[in-house]
Protein backbone atom coordinates (compact mmCIF):
# COMPACT_ATOMS: atom_id res chain seq x y z
CA MET A 1 103.09 71.73 126.76
CA ARG A 2 104.03 70.37 123.69
CA LEU A 3 105.85 72.69 121.11
CA VAL A 4 103.88 73.37 117.92
CA GLU A 5 105.59 74.49 114.64
CA THR A 6 104.04 77.68 113.54
CA SER A 7 101.69 77.63 110.73
CA ILE A 8 100.87 80.17 108.04
CA LEU A 9 97.29 81.40 107.30
CA PHE A 10 96.81 83.37 104.24
CA PHE A 11 93.64 85.40 103.87
CA ASP A 12 91.87 87.60 101.41
CA GLY A 13 92.89 90.92 102.85
CA VAL A 14 90.06 92.86 101.55
CA CYS A 15 87.31 90.16 102.25
CA GLY A 16 85.22 91.42 105.26
CA LEU A 17 84.46 87.55 106.31
CA CYS A 18 88.12 86.69 105.69
CA ASN A 19 89.20 89.51 108.03
CA LYS A 20 86.58 88.61 110.71
CA THR A 21 88.15 84.96 110.51
CA VAL A 22 91.47 86.41 111.20
CA ASP A 23 90.12 88.37 114.35
CA PHE A 24 88.65 85.26 115.62
CA VAL A 25 91.86 83.12 115.06
CA LEU A 26 93.76 85.49 116.81
CA GLN A 27 91.40 85.75 119.76
CA ALA A 28 91.47 81.80 119.81
CA ASP A 29 94.90 80.97 119.30
CA ARG A 30 96.15 81.02 122.77
CA ASN A 31 98.98 78.86 121.82
CA ARG A 32 100.23 81.26 118.99
CA VAL A 33 100.20 78.70 116.47
CA PHE A 34 99.34 80.70 113.41
CA LEU A 35 101.28 83.38 111.86
CA TYR A 36 98.94 85.49 109.25
CA SER A 37 99.77 87.11 105.98
CA PRO A 38 97.27 88.49 103.07
CA LEU A 39 96.82 86.65 99.55
CA GLN A 40 97.79 90.12 98.16
CA GLY A 41 101.26 90.22 100.33
CA GLN A 42 104.97 89.59 99.49
CA THR A 43 105.03 86.57 101.49
CA PHE A 44 102.30 84.67 99.65
CA ARG A 45 103.79 85.72 96.26
CA GLN A 46 107.02 84.22 97.17
CA ILE A 47 105.12 80.84 98.28
CA GLY A 48 103.48 80.94 95.06
CA LYS A 49 106.93 80.70 93.05
CA ASP A 50 107.55 77.11 95.07
CA HIS A 51 103.62 76.22 95.05
CA PRO A 52 102.25 77.28 91.55
CA GLU A 53 99.08 75.31 92.47
CA VAL A 54 97.97 78.07 94.56
CA GLU A 55 98.51 80.70 91.91
CA ASN A 56 95.01 81.51 91.10
CA LEU A 57 93.09 80.22 94.44
CA ASP A 58 90.92 82.35 96.04
CA SER A 59 90.38 80.67 99.52
CA ILE A 60 91.86 80.69 102.93
CA ILE A 61 95.20 78.84 102.67
CA VAL A 62 97.30 77.34 105.59
CA LEU A 63 100.79 76.44 104.94
CA SER A 64 101.82 73.82 107.80
CA SER A 65 104.97 72.15 108.38
CA GLU A 66 103.57 70.22 111.24
CA SER A 67 104.57 66.81 109.76
CA GLY A 68 107.81 67.70 108.74
CA ALA A 69 107.41 68.52 105.21
CA GLU A 70 105.42 71.60 103.88
CA GLU A 71 101.92 71.29 103.18
CA LEU A 72 99.54 73.66 101.49
CA LEU A 73 95.84 73.35 102.97
CA HIS A 74 92.99 75.23 101.20
CA ARG A 75 89.04 75.46 101.51
CA SER A 76 87.58 73.22 103.98
CA ASP A 77 90.61 71.47 104.65
CA ALA A 78 92.30 74.82 105.81
CA ILE A 79 89.35 75.58 108.30
CA LEU A 80 89.48 72.18 109.65
CA PHE A 81 93.05 72.41 110.34
CA ILE A 82 92.46 75.90 112.13
CA LEU A 83 89.86 74.52 114.11
CA GLU A 84 92.04 71.45 115.11
CA HIS A 85 94.73 73.92 116.56
CA LEU A 86 92.42 76.29 118.38
CA PRO A 87 91.40 74.92 121.96
CA GLY A 88 87.84 74.79 122.55
CA TYR A 89 87.26 74.26 118.96
CA ARG A 90 88.82 70.81 118.12
CA TRP A 91 85.62 68.74 118.47
CA LEU A 92 84.04 70.99 115.76
CA ALA A 93 86.95 69.87 113.52
CA ARG A 94 86.18 66.24 114.52
CA VAL A 95 82.60 66.97 113.58
CA GLY A 96 83.60 68.65 110.09
CA ARG A 97 85.83 65.45 109.45
CA LEU A 98 82.67 63.15 109.01
CA VAL A 99 81.50 65.40 106.13
CA PRO A 100 82.86 63.97 103.25
CA ARG A 101 85.48 66.72 101.52
CA PRO A 102 83.36 67.04 98.30
CA VAL A 103 80.34 68.16 100.23
CA ARG A 104 82.56 70.64 102.59
CA ASP A 105 84.25 72.09 99.61
CA SER A 106 80.80 72.78 98.15
CA MET A 107 79.67 74.56 101.15
CA TYR A 108 82.57 76.55 101.16
CA ARG A 109 82.61 77.61 97.54
CA LEU A 110 79.12 78.61 98.18
CA VAL A 111 80.05 81.05 101.03
CA ALA A 112 83.02 82.18 99.04
CA ALA A 113 80.89 83.16 96.28
CA THR A 114 78.73 85.27 98.40
CA ARG A 115 81.34 86.68 100.70
CA TYR A 116 81.57 90.10 99.41
CA ARG A 117 77.97 90.68 99.05
CA ILE A 118 77.23 89.81 102.55
CA TRP A 119 80.24 90.68 104.41
CA GLY A 120 81.82 93.44 102.18
CA LYS A 121 85.13 94.20 100.68
CA ARG A 122 87.61 96.62 101.77
CA ASP A 123 89.51 99.28 99.79
CA SER A 124 92.78 97.88 101.53
CA CYS A 125 94.53 94.97 103.23
CA ARG A 126 93.66 94.91 107.29
CA LEU A 127 96.58 96.59 109.31
CA PRO A 128 97.50 94.68 112.52
CA SER A 129 97.45 96.62 115.89
CA GLN A 130 100.61 97.20 117.62
CA ASP A 131 99.80 94.07 120.06
CA GLU A 132 99.44 92.03 116.50
CA ILE A 133 102.40 93.18 114.57
CA THR A 134 104.84 90.51 115.36
CA ARG A 135 102.21 87.68 114.30
CA PHE A 136 101.78 89.23 110.59
CA LEU A 137 104.04 88.90 107.58
CA PRO A 138 103.93 91.16 104.73
């Protein structure tokens, strides 16, 4: 088994779709590649100090140090990175990479623009269960 660096998946803690995505990734992430933190949390605020380009970014964001250097991925690149690291879903990431980034990001923006209307908005951020607590950052 190869050792995998841990990546942080930042998500909108009040978004119904984002929370469903986190639930899905938690279940599929058998290698425990990801830690999770809401965009509204202290961890993301700290990251934002070093990466001002994400200040007003309303997207799922992945902070990866896989290549030895910190890299922030967002929109469709973040989704594909997540899929690439989930056993059983790598094929979907490979198919997704065939679609040019501008097209992928346009589709991402369309879903993002309607996510609250379709999946709802919570009053507060998701709280991890006792089993999940070690995988969540503030």
